[in-house]
N, C-alpha and C. Protein backbone atom coordinates (compact mmCIF):
# COMPACT_ATOMS: atom_id res chain seq x y z
N MET A 1 -102.73 132.60 126.34
CA MET A 1 -102.53 132.54 124.90
C MET A 1 -103.77 131.92 124.26
N PRO A 2 -104.32 132.53 123.22
CA PRO A 2 -105.51 131.98 122.57
C PRO A 2 -105.18 130.67 121.85
N PRO A 3 -106.16 129.78 121.78
CA PRO A 3 -105.91 128.49 121.12
C PRO A 3 -105.66 128.66 119.62
N ASP A 4 -104.85 127.80 119.07
CA ASP A 4 -104.53 127.81 117.65
C ASP A 4 -105.75 127.32 116.86
N PRO A 5 -106.18 128.05 115.83
CA PRO A 5 -107.34 127.62 115.04
C PRO A 5 -107.17 126.24 114.42
N ARG A 6 -105.95 125.88 114.04
CA ARG A 6 -105.73 124.54 113.46
C ARG A 6 -106.01 123.45 114.50
N ASP A 7 -105.59 123.70 115.74
CA ASP A 7 -105.86 122.74 116.81
C ASP A 7 -107.35 122.63 117.07
N LEU A 8 -108.04 123.76 117.02
CA LEU A 8 -109.49 123.75 117.25
C LEU A 8 -110.23 123.03 116.13
N ARG A 9 -109.76 123.19 114.89
CA ARG A 9 -110.39 122.47 113.78
C ARG A 9 -110.18 120.96 113.93
N ALA A 10 -108.99 120.56 114.35
CA ALA A 10 -108.72 119.13 114.57
C ALA A 10 -109.57 118.61 115.73
N GLU A 11 -109.68 119.41 116.78
CA GLU A 11 -110.52 119.04 117.93
C GLU A 11 -111.97 118.86 117.50
N ALA A 12 -112.47 119.77 116.67
CA ALA A 12 -113.84 119.67 116.17
C ALA A 12 -114.04 118.36 115.43
N ASN A 13 -113.05 117.95 114.65
CA ASN A 13 -113.16 116.71 113.91
C ASN A 13 -113.21 115.51 114.84
N HIS A 14 -112.39 115.50 115.88
CA HIS A 14 -112.40 114.40 116.85
C HIS A 14 -113.73 114.33 117.59
N LEU A 15 -114.23 115.47 118.03
CA LEU A 15 -115.51 115.48 118.74
C LEU A 15 -116.64 115.06 117.81
N HIS A 16 -116.57 115.48 116.57
CA HIS A 16 -117.59 115.12 115.59
C HIS A 16 -117.61 113.61 115.37
N ARG A 17 -116.42 113.01 115.29
CA ARG A 17 -116.35 111.55 115.15
C ARG A 17 -116.97 110.86 116.36
N ALA A 18 -116.73 111.40 117.55
CA ALA A 18 -117.29 110.80 118.76
C ALA A 18 -118.82 110.89 118.77
N LEU A 19 -119.35 112.01 118.29
CA LEU A 19 -120.80 112.21 118.33
C LEU A 19 -121.53 111.62 117.13
N PHE A 20 -120.96 111.81 115.94
CA PHE A 20 -121.69 111.47 114.72
C PHE A 20 -121.06 110.35 113.90
N GLY A 21 -119.91 109.85 114.33
CA GLY A 21 -119.31 108.70 113.67
C GLY A 21 -118.58 108.99 112.38
N GLY A 22 -118.28 110.22 112.09
CA GLY A 22 -117.56 110.56 110.86
C GLY A 22 -116.90 111.91 110.97
N ASP A 23 -116.12 112.25 109.95
CA ASP A 23 -115.43 113.53 109.94
C ASP A 23 -116.40 114.69 109.79
N ALA A 24 -116.04 115.81 110.39
CA ALA A 24 -116.86 117.02 110.32
C ALA A 24 -116.64 117.72 108.98
N PRO A 25 -117.69 118.30 108.41
CA PRO A 25 -117.49 119.12 107.22
C PRO A 25 -116.57 120.30 107.54
N GLU A 26 -115.84 120.74 106.56
CA GLU A 26 -114.86 121.83 106.77
C GLU A 26 -115.53 123.09 107.32
N GLU A 27 -116.73 123.40 106.84
CA GLU A 27 -117.44 124.59 107.32
C GLU A 27 -117.74 124.50 108.82
N VAL A 28 -118.11 123.32 109.28
CA VAL A 28 -118.40 123.12 110.70
C VAL A 28 -117.12 123.29 111.51
N ARG A 29 -116.00 122.77 110.99
CA ARG A 29 -114.71 122.92 111.69
C ARG A 29 -114.34 124.39 111.83
N GLU A 30 -114.54 125.14 110.75
CA GLU A 30 -114.21 126.57 110.77
C GLU A 30 -115.10 127.32 111.76
N GLN A 31 -116.39 127.03 111.74
CA GLN A 31 -117.32 127.69 112.64
C GLN A 31 -117.02 127.34 114.09
N TYR A 32 -116.64 126.10 114.34
CA TYR A 32 -116.29 125.65 115.69
C TYR A 32 -115.07 126.43 116.18
N ALA A 33 -114.04 126.52 115.36
CA ALA A 33 -112.83 127.24 115.75
C ALA A 33 -113.15 128.71 116.03
N SER A 34 -113.96 129.33 115.19
CA SER A 34 -114.34 130.73 115.39
C SER A 34 -115.13 130.92 116.67
N ALA A 35 -116.05 130.01 116.93
CA ALA A 35 -116.89 130.12 118.13
C ALA A 35 -116.05 129.99 119.40
N LEU A 36 -115.12 129.07 119.42
CA LEU A 36 -114.31 128.86 120.63
C LEU A 36 -113.28 129.97 120.82
N GLN A 37 -112.86 130.60 119.75
CA GLN A 37 -111.94 131.72 119.90
C GLN A 37 -112.67 132.96 120.40
N ALA A 38 -113.95 133.06 120.08
CA ALA A 38 -114.72 134.24 120.45
C ALA A 38 -115.28 134.18 121.87
N ALA A 39 -115.51 132.97 122.39
CA ALA A 39 -116.16 132.84 123.69
C ALA A 39 -115.29 132.04 124.65
N PRO A 40 -115.11 132.56 125.86
CA PRO A 40 -114.35 131.79 126.85
C PRO A 40 -115.17 130.60 127.36
N LEU A 41 -114.48 129.52 127.66
CA LEU A 41 -115.15 128.32 128.17
C LEU A 41 -114.75 128.08 129.62
N ALA A 42 -115.43 127.16 130.23
CA ALA A 42 -115.15 126.80 131.62
C ALA A 42 -113.72 126.28 131.77
N GLU A 43 -113.21 126.33 132.97
CA GLU A 43 -111.86 125.87 133.26
C GLU A 43 -111.79 124.36 133.51
N VAL A 44 -112.94 123.75 133.75
CA VAL A 44 -112.99 122.32 134.07
C VAL A 44 -113.24 121.56 132.78
N PRO A 45 -112.60 120.46 132.46
CA PRO A 45 -111.66 119.74 133.30
C PRO A 45 -110.29 120.38 133.30
N ARG A 46 -109.59 120.21 134.39
CA ARG A 46 -108.23 120.74 134.48
C ARG A 46 -107.26 119.72 133.91
N CYS A 47 -107.29 119.61 132.62
CA CYS A 47 -106.40 118.71 131.91
C CYS A 47 -106.29 119.20 130.47
N ASP A 48 -105.40 118.61 129.75
CA ASP A 48 -105.19 118.98 128.36
C ASP A 48 -106.10 118.11 127.49
N LEU A 49 -107.10 118.73 126.87
CA LEU A 49 -108.05 117.98 126.05
C LEU A 49 -107.34 117.31 124.89
N SER A 50 -106.34 117.97 124.33
CA SER A 50 -105.62 117.37 123.21
C SER A 50 -104.89 116.10 123.64
N ARG A 51 -104.46 116.06 124.90
CA ARG A 51 -103.81 114.86 125.44
C ARG A 51 -104.81 113.71 125.51
N LEU A 52 -106.03 114.01 125.95
CA LEU A 52 -107.07 112.98 126.02
C LEU A 52 -107.43 112.47 124.63
N ILE A 53 -107.50 113.39 123.66
CA ILE A 53 -107.80 113.01 122.28
C ILE A 53 -106.68 112.14 121.73
N ALA A 54 -105.43 112.54 121.98
CA ALA A 54 -104.27 111.79 121.48
C ALA A 54 -104.24 110.37 122.04
N ARG A 55 -104.71 110.20 123.24
CA ARG A 55 -104.74 108.87 123.85
C ARG A 55 -105.88 108.01 123.32
N GLY A 56 -106.76 108.61 122.53
CA GLY A 56 -107.86 107.86 121.94
C GLY A 56 -108.94 107.47 122.93
N LEU A 57 -109.13 108.30 123.96
CA LEU A 57 -110.13 107.98 124.98
C LEU A 57 -111.54 108.19 124.44
N ASP A 58 -112.49 107.56 125.08
CA ASP A 58 -113.90 107.69 124.72
C ASP A 58 -114.39 109.04 125.23
N LEU A 59 -114.41 110.03 124.36
CA LEU A 59 -114.78 111.39 124.75
C LEU A 59 -116.23 111.48 125.18
N GLU A 60 -117.07 110.68 124.58
CA GLU A 60 -118.50 110.68 124.95
C GLU A 60 -118.67 110.21 126.40
N ALA A 61 -117.94 109.17 126.78
CA ALA A 61 -118.01 108.66 128.15
C ALA A 61 -117.43 109.68 129.13
N LEU A 62 -116.31 110.28 128.77
CA LEU A 62 -115.71 111.32 129.62
C LEU A 62 -116.67 112.49 129.82
N GLU A 63 -117.30 112.92 128.74
CA GLU A 63 -118.22 114.06 128.83
C GLU A 63 -119.40 113.75 129.74
N LEU A 64 -119.95 112.56 129.63
CA LEU A 64 -121.09 112.19 130.46
C LEU A 64 -120.69 112.17 131.94
N ALA A 65 -119.54 111.59 132.24
CA ALA A 65 -119.09 111.53 133.63
C ALA A 65 -118.77 112.93 134.15
N LEU A 66 -118.14 113.76 133.34
CA LEU A 66 -117.85 115.14 133.77
C LEU A 66 -119.12 115.94 133.99
N ARG A 67 -120.10 115.75 133.11
CA ARG A 67 -121.37 116.48 133.24
C ARG A 67 -122.10 116.09 134.51
N ARG A 68 -121.99 114.83 134.92
CA ARG A 68 -122.63 114.39 136.16
C ARG A 68 -121.90 114.96 137.37
N ARG A 69 -120.59 115.18 137.25
CA ARG A 69 -119.79 115.72 138.35
C ARG A 69 -119.91 117.24 138.41
N THR A 70 -119.76 117.90 137.28
CA THR A 70 -119.78 119.37 137.19
C THR A 70 -120.61 119.77 135.99
N ARG A 71 -121.76 120.36 136.23
CA ARG A 71 -122.67 120.69 135.12
C ARG A 71 -122.01 121.57 134.06
N VAL A 72 -121.25 122.55 134.49
CA VAL A 72 -120.58 123.44 133.54
C VAL A 72 -119.12 123.02 133.45
N ASN A 73 -118.77 122.43 132.32
CA ASN A 73 -117.38 122.03 132.11
C ASN A 73 -117.02 122.23 130.64
N ALA A 74 -115.75 122.36 130.39
CA ALA A 74 -115.28 122.70 129.05
C ALA A 74 -115.61 121.63 128.01
N LEU A 75 -115.53 120.37 128.38
CA LEU A 75 -115.81 119.31 127.41
C LEU A 75 -117.29 119.32 127.01
N SER A 76 -118.18 119.45 127.97
CA SER A 76 -119.62 119.52 127.65
C SER A 76 -119.91 120.75 126.80
N GLN A 77 -119.28 121.86 127.12
CA GLN A 77 -119.50 123.08 126.33
C GLN A 77 -119.03 122.89 124.89
N ARG A 78 -117.92 122.20 124.72
CA ARG A 78 -117.42 121.94 123.37
C ARG A 78 -118.38 121.03 122.60
N PHE A 79 -118.89 120.00 123.26
CA PHE A 79 -119.88 119.13 122.61
C PHE A 79 -121.13 119.93 122.24
N GLN A 80 -121.56 120.82 123.12
CA GLN A 80 -122.76 121.62 122.84
C GLN A 80 -122.53 122.55 121.65
N VAL A 81 -121.39 123.19 121.59
CA VAL A 81 -121.09 124.08 120.47
C VAL A 81 -121.15 123.29 119.17
N LEU A 82 -120.53 122.12 119.15
CA LEU A 82 -120.52 121.31 117.94
C LEU A 82 -121.94 120.86 117.56
N CYS A 83 -122.74 120.47 118.55
CA CYS A 83 -124.12 120.07 118.26
C CYS A 83 -124.95 121.24 117.73
N TYR A 84 -124.76 122.42 118.30
CA TYR A 84 -125.48 123.60 117.81
C TYR A 84 -125.14 123.88 116.36
N LEU A 85 -123.88 123.75 116.01
CA LEU A 85 -123.45 124.00 114.64
C LEU A 85 -124.00 122.93 113.69
N ALA A 86 -123.98 121.67 114.11
CA ALA A 86 -124.48 120.60 113.26
C ALA A 86 -126.00 120.67 113.11
N GLU A 87 -126.67 121.01 114.19
CA GLU A 87 -128.13 121.05 114.20
C GLU A 87 -128.69 122.02 113.15
N ALA A 88 -127.95 123.04 112.85
CA ALA A 88 -128.42 124.06 111.92
C ALA A 88 -128.19 123.68 110.45
N ARG A 89 -127.54 122.56 110.20
CA ARG A 89 -127.24 122.15 108.83
C ARG A 89 -128.26 121.12 108.35
N PRO A 90 -128.73 121.27 107.12
CA PRO A 90 -129.78 120.37 106.61
C PRO A 90 -129.39 118.89 106.58
N GLU A 91 -128.12 118.58 106.35
CA GLU A 91 -127.72 117.17 106.26
C GLU A 91 -127.79 116.43 107.60
N TYR A 92 -127.95 117.17 108.70
CA TYR A 92 -128.07 116.57 110.02
C TYR A 92 -129.52 116.49 110.50
N TYR A 93 -130.42 116.93 109.68
CA TYR A 93 -131.84 117.01 110.06
C TYR A 93 -132.36 115.68 110.61
N SER A 94 -132.08 114.59 109.92
CA SER A 94 -132.62 113.29 110.34
C SER A 94 -132.00 112.79 111.65
N ARG A 95 -130.86 113.33 112.04
CA ARG A 95 -130.25 112.94 113.32
C ARG A 95 -130.93 113.63 114.51
N PHE A 96 -131.57 114.76 114.24
CA PHE A 96 -132.17 115.54 115.32
C PHE A 96 -133.70 115.49 115.31
N VAL A 97 -134.31 115.12 114.19
CA VAL A 97 -135.77 115.13 114.08
C VAL A 97 -136.26 113.80 113.54
N ASN A 98 -137.26 113.22 114.21
CA ASN A 98 -137.89 112.00 113.75
C ASN A 98 -139.28 112.37 113.24
N GLU A 99 -139.51 112.18 111.96
CA GLU A 99 -140.80 112.58 111.38
C GLU A 99 -141.81 111.44 111.30
N SER A 100 -141.34 110.20 111.43
CA SER A 100 -142.28 109.08 111.33
C SER A 100 -142.51 108.45 112.70
N PRO A 101 -143.78 108.24 113.06
CA PRO A 101 -144.06 107.61 114.36
C PRO A 101 -143.71 106.12 114.32
N ARG A 102 -142.86 105.70 115.23
CA ARG A 102 -142.46 104.30 115.32
C ARG A 102 -142.46 103.94 116.80
N PHE A 103 -143.62 103.59 117.30
CA PHE A 103 -143.81 103.38 118.74
C PHE A 103 -142.90 102.28 119.29
N LEU A 104 -142.97 101.08 118.75
CA LEU A 104 -142.18 99.95 119.27
C LEU A 104 -140.69 100.19 119.08
N VAL A 105 -140.30 100.62 117.90
CA VAL A 105 -138.88 100.89 117.63
C VAL A 105 -138.37 101.99 118.56
N GLY A 106 -139.21 102.98 118.82
CA GLY A 106 -138.83 104.07 119.71
C GLY A 106 -138.56 103.58 121.13
N TRP A 107 -139.42 102.72 121.65
CA TRP A 107 -139.23 102.19 123.00
C TRP A 107 -137.99 101.29 123.06
N LEU A 108 -137.78 100.50 122.02
CA LEU A 108 -136.58 99.64 122.00
C LEU A 108 -135.31 100.48 121.94
N ALA A 109 -135.33 101.52 121.12
CA ALA A 109 -134.16 102.40 121.03
C ALA A 109 -133.92 103.12 122.35
N LEU A 110 -134.99 103.55 123.00
CA LEU A 110 -134.87 104.21 124.29
C LEU A 110 -134.24 103.27 125.32
N GLY A 111 -134.68 102.03 125.36
CA GLY A 111 -134.11 101.05 126.29
C GLY A 111 -132.65 100.78 125.99
N LEU A 112 -132.32 100.62 124.73
CA LEU A 112 -130.94 100.39 124.33
C LEU A 112 -130.03 101.55 124.74
N HIS A 113 -130.49 102.75 124.49
CA HIS A 113 -129.68 103.93 124.82
C HIS A 113 -129.61 104.17 126.33
N ALA A 114 -130.61 103.74 127.07
CA ALA A 114 -130.53 103.85 128.53
C ALA A 114 -129.42 102.93 129.06
N VAL A 115 -129.38 101.71 128.55
CA VAL A 115 -128.32 100.77 128.95
C VAL A 115 -126.96 101.29 128.50
N ARG A 116 -126.89 101.81 127.29
CA ARG A 116 -125.64 102.36 126.76
C ARG A 116 -125.16 103.54 127.60
N SER A 117 -126.08 104.37 128.06
CA SER A 117 -125.73 105.52 128.89
C SER A 117 -125.15 105.10 130.23
N VAL A 118 -125.73 104.07 130.83
CA VAL A 118 -125.19 103.57 132.10
C VAL A 118 -123.78 103.04 131.88
N TYR A 119 -123.57 102.30 130.81
CA TYR A 119 -122.24 101.79 130.47
C TYR A 119 -121.26 102.94 130.28
N LYS A 120 -121.66 103.96 129.51
CA LYS A 120 -120.79 105.11 129.24
C LYS A 120 -120.47 105.87 130.53
N LEU A 121 -121.43 105.99 131.42
CA LEU A 121 -121.19 106.67 132.68
C LEU A 121 -120.16 105.93 133.53
N ILE A 122 -120.31 104.63 133.63
CA ILE A 122 -119.34 103.84 134.39
C ILE A 122 -117.96 103.92 133.74
N LYS A 123 -117.92 103.78 132.44
CA LYS A 123 -116.64 103.87 131.72
C LYS A 123 -116.02 105.25 131.89
N GLY A 124 -116.83 106.28 131.78
CA GLY A 124 -116.34 107.65 131.92
C GLY A 124 -115.77 107.92 133.30
N ARG A 125 -116.45 107.44 134.34
CA ARG A 125 -115.93 107.63 135.70
C ARG A 125 -114.60 106.92 135.89
N CYS A 126 -114.48 105.74 135.31
CA CYS A 126 -113.20 105.02 135.39
C CYS A 126 -112.11 105.78 134.64
N LEU A 127 -112.44 106.31 133.46
CA LEU A 127 -111.46 107.08 132.69
C LEU A 127 -111.04 108.35 133.42
N LEU A 128 -111.98 109.01 134.08
CA LEU A 128 -111.64 110.21 134.85
C LEU A 128 -110.64 109.87 135.94
N ARG A 129 -110.88 108.77 136.61
CA ARG A 129 -110.00 108.36 137.70
C ARG A 129 -108.62 107.93 137.16
N ILE A 130 -108.61 107.11 136.12
CA ILE A 130 -107.36 106.59 135.58
C ILE A 130 -106.48 107.70 135.02
N HIS A 131 -107.09 108.65 134.32
CA HIS A 131 -106.33 109.71 133.65
C HIS A 131 -106.26 111.00 134.46
N ASP A 132 -106.69 110.92 135.70
CA ASP A 132 -106.59 112.05 136.64
C ASP A 132 -107.16 113.35 136.08
N VAL A 133 -108.40 113.25 135.58
CA VAL A 133 -109.10 114.42 135.08
C VAL A 133 -109.88 115.01 136.23
N ARG A 134 -109.65 116.29 136.51
CA ARG A 134 -110.31 116.94 137.64
C ARG A 134 -111.23 118.02 137.16
């Protein structure tokens, strides 16, 4: 049975909050739902994504841990679809492109995000184990 577009729009909003810290514009939600209805995604993880969202889990941590375990997985594909849609919109330009050279700030941000990534990976692996995501 094909996924319900309303569920996909709600899913887009949850993923958008995880990635960008706020609600997704309605146009992005619509495009996300259309894209996922048109293209089949991977079968992994073998769990109900809506159940993970309802539990309020850290989707970013789950995605990182799943990507390290299985390169092609449904959660990573969903994040990629959402990023592709956001990347094409002018209001997201500053999130994807840095126009001013900031050497010291760049190195500090890189170090901070490296530590954050290790934390998210450990958290994601624990969440996979606790919630039996395969």
